[in-house]
């Protein structure tokens, strides 16, 4: 039997690539990581993702797959150990619902708060309201996945890092212990899990990178 080949094309500062790193590591899957130099996209990336030309891309036995959430579901189906999605169909559907809610209603507003010059506070207020709604999915559980980290935890976990970046750069608070105690406690717990923590980029490097990214976005919006 031929040796299994798993590659991940990503970018060190991407929260979406980070999702895939977390999923692979939680599953115990050995993989080769290929760092892309954005915006100078490699011929490999353009070949493997000709439609969107974006990272992350998972290449499993020479078969490429794009989009972080689709990749995570694929990983969960192929490697059965340490399941990320619930076995029960209803619970699985609920996890997908909340992931979609997060990407559509929370992540988009966090990015808007970061990049909307003059409207940061307005966008942050919407993000906070939606994050408070998301918090209800915890329902007193240690993780969104229950007793262990699951699909929703992996999809949402990056906000614990990027919310701090938004606060540092544009001076708006997205998550606080007083209004979102369950979400705050969950983030502390999640980001301290050794496998999760080991994959997070260095804070100083990430902050400096996003300061530069913020300048580009605000200049483009004027």
Protein backbone atom coordinates (compact mmCIF):
# COMPACT_ATOMS: atom_id res chain seq x y z
CA UNK A 1 0.00 0.00 0.00
CA UNK A 2 1.36 3.42 -0.99
CA UNK A 3 2.28 5.82 1.78
CA UNK A 4 -0.46 8.33 2.51
CA UNK A 5 0.30 11.91 1.46
CA UNK A 6 -1.22 14.86 3.30
CA UNK A 7 -0.24 18.45 2.54
CA UNK A 8 -1.60 21.76 3.80
CA UNK A 9 -1.07 24.97 1.88
CA UNK A 10 -1.52 27.88 4.25
CA UNK A 11 -0.37 31.25 5.49
CA UNK A 12 0.99 31.73 8.98
CA UNK A 13 -1.29 34.69 9.87
CA UNK A 14 -4.54 33.23 8.52
CA UNK A 15 -7.20 32.24 11.09
CA UNK A 16 -8.74 29.97 8.45
CA UNK A 17 -5.51 28.05 7.93
CA UNK A 18 -5.22 27.86 11.74
CA UNK A 19 -8.57 26.06 11.85
CA UNK A 20 -7.17 23.31 9.62
CA UNK A 21 -3.92 23.05 11.61
CA UNK A 22 -6.01 22.50 14.76
CA UNK A 23 -8.21 19.87 13.14
CA UNK A 24 -5.26 17.87 11.78
CA UNK A 25 -3.38 18.01 15.07
CA UNK A 26 -6.40 17.03 17.15
CA UNK A 27 -6.87 14.07 14.83
CA UNK A 28 -3.21 13.12 15.08
CA UNK A 29 -2.74 13.30 11.30
CA UNK A 30 0.82 13.74 10.06
CA UNK A 31 1.04 16.32 7.28
CA UNK A 32 3.45 18.45 5.32
CA UNK A 33 2.90 22.18 5.73
CA UNK A 34 3.61 24.45 2.76
CA UNK A 35 3.76 28.16 3.57
CA UNK A 36 2.43 30.49 0.89
CA UNK A 37 3.93 33.94 0.38
CA UNK A 38 0.81 36.04 -0.06
CA UNK A 39 0.01 37.97 -2.19
CA UNK A 40 2.61 36.25 -4.41
CA UNK A 41 0.57 33.10 -4.95
CA UNK A 42 2.56 30.05 -5.94
CA UNK A 43 1.90 28.01 -9.05
CA UNK A 44 1.07 25.15 -6.68
CA UNK A 45 -1.71 27.12 -5.02
CA UNK A 46 -3.10 28.31 -8.36
CA UNK A 47 -3.10 24.73 -9.62
CA UNK A 48 -4.75 23.26 -6.54
CA UNK A 49 -7.32 26.05 -6.04
CA UNK A 50 -7.92 27.61 -9.46
CA UNK A 51 -11.42 28.83 -8.56
CA UNK A 52 -10.78 31.06 -5.52
CA UNK A 53 -6.96 31.07 -5.54
CA UNK A 54 -6.95 31.21 -1.73
CA UNK A 55 -5.56 29.29 1.21
CA UNK A 56 -6.06 26.99 3.00
CA UNK A 57 -5.91 24.01 0.66
CA UNK A 58 -5.66 20.43 1.86
CA UNK A 59 -4.09 17.96 -0.56
CA UNK A 60 -4.79 14.35 0.35
CA UNK A 61 -3.18 11.77 -1.93
CA UNK A 62 -2.91 14.43 -4.66
CA UNK A 63 -6.59 15.38 -4.37
CA UNK A 64 -7.00 19.08 -3.39
CA UNK A 65 -9.82 20.51 -1.31
CA UNK A 66 -10.37 24.19 -0.48
CA UNK A 67 -12.41 26.16 2.11
CA UNK A 68 -11.52 25.65 5.76
CA UNK A 69 -14.89 24.33 6.99
CA UNK A 70 -15.24 21.85 4.15
CA UNK A 71 -11.68 20.71 4.82
CA UNK A 72 -12.41 20.13 8.52
CA UNK A 73 -15.51 18.07 7.71
CA UNK A 74 -13.49 16.04 5.21
CA UNK A 75 -10.76 15.44 7.81
CA UNK A 76 -13.39 14.26 10.28
CA UNK A 77 -14.87 11.81 7.77
CA UNK A 78 -11.56 10.38 6.56
CA UNK A 79 -9.79 10.00 9.92
CA UNK A 80 -12.29 8.53 12.36
CA UNK A 81 -10.25 8.91 15.57
CA UNK A 82 -11.13 11.77 17.93
CA UNK A 83 -14.39 12.77 16.16
CA UNK A 84 -15.03 16.48 15.79
CA UNK A 85 -18.69 16.44 14.70
CA UNK A 86 -21.35 14.83 16.91
CA UNK A 87 -22.56 11.35 15.98
CA UNK A 88 -26.22 12.31 16.39
CA UNK A 89 -27.59 13.86 13.13
CA UNK A 90 -29.54 16.57 14.96
CA UNK A 91 -26.55 17.64 17.06
CA UNK A 92 -24.38 17.58 13.92
CA UNK A 93 -26.85 19.86 12.14
CA UNK A 94 -26.86 22.23 15.13
CA UNK A 95 -23.06 22.45 15.10
CA UNK A 96 -23.15 23.34 11.39
CA UNK A 97 -25.85 25.93 12.07
CA UNK A 98 -23.76 27.70 14.70
CA UNK A 99 -20.62 27.60 12.55
CA UNK A 100 -22.54 29.27 9.72
CA UNK A 101 -23.97 31.81 12.17
CA UNK A 102 -20.46 32.60 13.39
CA UNK A 103 -18.98 33.07 9.93
CA UNK A 104 -21.95 35.07 8.60
CA UNK A 105 -22.81 37.18 11.64
CA UNK A 106 -19.73 37.32 13.89
CA UNK A 107 -16.59 36.95 11.79
CA UNK A 108 -17.87 39.36 9.15
CA UNK A 109 -18.68 42.03 11.76
CA UNK A 110 -15.33 41.55 13.50
CA UNK A 111 -13.61 42.20 10.17
CA UNK A 112 -15.89 45.21 9.60
CA UNK A 113 -14.97 46.63 13.01
CA UNK A 114 -11.32 46.20 12.09
CA UNK A 115 -11.52 47.79 8.65
CA UNK A 116 -14.40 50.31 8.68
CA UNK A 117 -12.76 53.65 9.32
CA UNK A 118 -14.99 55.86 11.46
CA UNK A 119 -17.56 53.11 12.06
CA UNK A 120 -15.52 50.84 14.33
CA UNK A 121 -17.75 51.27 17.39
CA UNK A 122 -20.95 50.73 15.41
CA UNK A 123 -19.65 47.51 13.83
CA UNK A 124 -18.22 46.32 17.14
CA UNK A 125 -21.63 46.73 18.81
CA UNK A 126 -23.18 44.42 16.18
CA UNK A 127 -20.35 41.90 16.61
CA UNK A 128 -20.80 41.91 20.40
CA UNK A 129 -24.55 41.31 20.10
CA UNK A 130 -23.98 38.38 17.74
CA UNK A 131 -21.21 36.90 19.90
CA UNK A 132 -23.57 37.05 22.87
CA UNK A 133 -26.06 35.03 20.83
CA UNK A 134 -23.34 32.54 19.95
CA UNK A 135 -22.52 32.18 23.65
CA UNK A 136 -25.93 30.56 24.20
CA UNK A 137 -24.69 27.49 22.30
CA UNK A 138 -22.31 26.73 25.17
CA UNK A 139 -25.17 26.05 27.60
CA UNK A 140 -22.79 25.56 30.51
CA UNK A 141 -20.66 22.97 28.68
CA UNK A 142 -16.85 23.18 28.97
CA UNK A 143 -16.58 23.24 25.16
CA UNK A 144 -19.05 23.82 22.34
CA UNK A 145 -18.41 20.17 21.47
CA UNK A 146 -19.37 19.08 25.00
CA UNK A 147 -16.69 17.48 27.14
CA UNK A 148 -14.13 17.65 24.32
CA UNK A 149 -13.18 20.07 21.56
CA UNK A 150 -15.38 19.78 18.48
CA UNK A 151 -16.13 21.29 15.08
CA UNK A 152 -17.63 24.51 16.44
CA UNK A 153 -14.75 25.07 18.87
CA UNK A 154 -12.23 24.80 16.04
CA UNK A 155 -14.25 27.11 13.78
CA UNK A 156 -14.73 29.80 16.43
CA UNK A 157 -11.54 29.55 18.51
CA UNK A 158 -9.51 32.10 16.56
CA UNK A 159 -11.66 34.96 17.88
CA UNK A 160 -9.84 34.66 21.20
CA UNK A 161 -6.72 35.92 19.43
CA UNK A 162 -8.11 38.25 16.77
CA UNK A 163 -10.54 40.00 19.13
CA UNK A 164 -7.48 41.09 21.14
CA UNK A 165 -5.85 42.32 17.95
CA UNK A 166 -8.92 44.41 17.06
CA UNK A 167 -8.95 45.86 20.58
CA UNK A 168 -5.24 46.69 20.42
CA UNK A 169 -5.28 48.30 16.95
CA UNK A 170 -8.66 50.04 16.70
CA UNK A 171 -9.47 50.36 20.42
CA UNK A 172 -12.81 48.53 20.44
CA UNK A 173 -13.69 45.77 22.90
CA UNK A 174 -15.45 42.74 21.43
CA UNK A 175 -15.46 40.22 24.29
CA UNK A 176 -15.49 40.92 28.02
CA UNK A 177 -16.03 38.79 31.09
CA UNK A 178 -18.93 40.87 32.43
CA UNK A 179 -21.27 40.56 29.44
CA UNK A 180 -20.03 37.23 28.07
CA UNK A 181 -18.79 35.16 31.02
CA UNK A 182 -19.33 31.75 29.40
CA UNK A 183 -17.61 32.75 26.18
CA UNK A 184 -14.72 34.31 28.11
CA UNK A 185 -14.20 31.19 30.25
CA UNK A 186 -14.42 28.96 27.19
CA UNK A 187 -11.80 30.98 25.30
CA UNK A 188 -9.35 30.79 28.21
CA UNK A 189 -9.85 27.03 28.44
CA UNK A 190 -9.68 26.42 24.69
CA UNK A 191 -6.58 28.51 24.00
CA UNK A 192 -4.66 26.82 26.83
CA UNK A 193 -5.14 23.30 25.45
CA UNK A 194 -1.55 22.31 24.54
CA UNK A 195 -2.28 21.20 20.96
CA UNK A 196 -4.26 24.40 20.33
CA UNK A 197 -1.74 26.71 21.98
CA UNK A 198 1.25 25.23 20.14
CA UNK A 199 -0.18 26.20 16.73
CA UNK A 200 -0.93 29.85 17.52
CA UNK A 201 1.47 32.32 15.85
CA UNK A 202 3.64 34.53 18.14
CA UNK A 203 1.58 37.43 19.49
CA UNK A 204 4.09 40.21 18.68
CA UNK A 205 4.54 39.00 15.12
CA UNK A 206 0.80 38.65 14.59
CA UNK A 207 0.08 42.10 16.03
CA UNK A 208 2.70 43.77 13.85
CA UNK A 209 1.41 42.00 10.75
CA UNK A 210 -2.18 43.09 11.43
CA UNK A 211 -1.16 46.69 12.07
CA UNK A 212 0.21 46.73 8.54
CA UNK A 213 -2.89 44.98 7.22
CA UNK A 214 -5.10 47.54 8.99
CA UNK A 215 -3.26 50.42 7.31
CA UNK A 216 -3.83 48.86 3.89
CA UNK A 217 -7.54 48.35 4.59
CA UNK A 218 -8.16 51.85 5.91
CA UNK A 219 -6.29 53.49 3.03
CA UNK A 220 -8.32 51.42 0.58
CA UNK A 221 -11.60 52.50 2.24
CA UNK A 222 -10.87 56.25 1.98
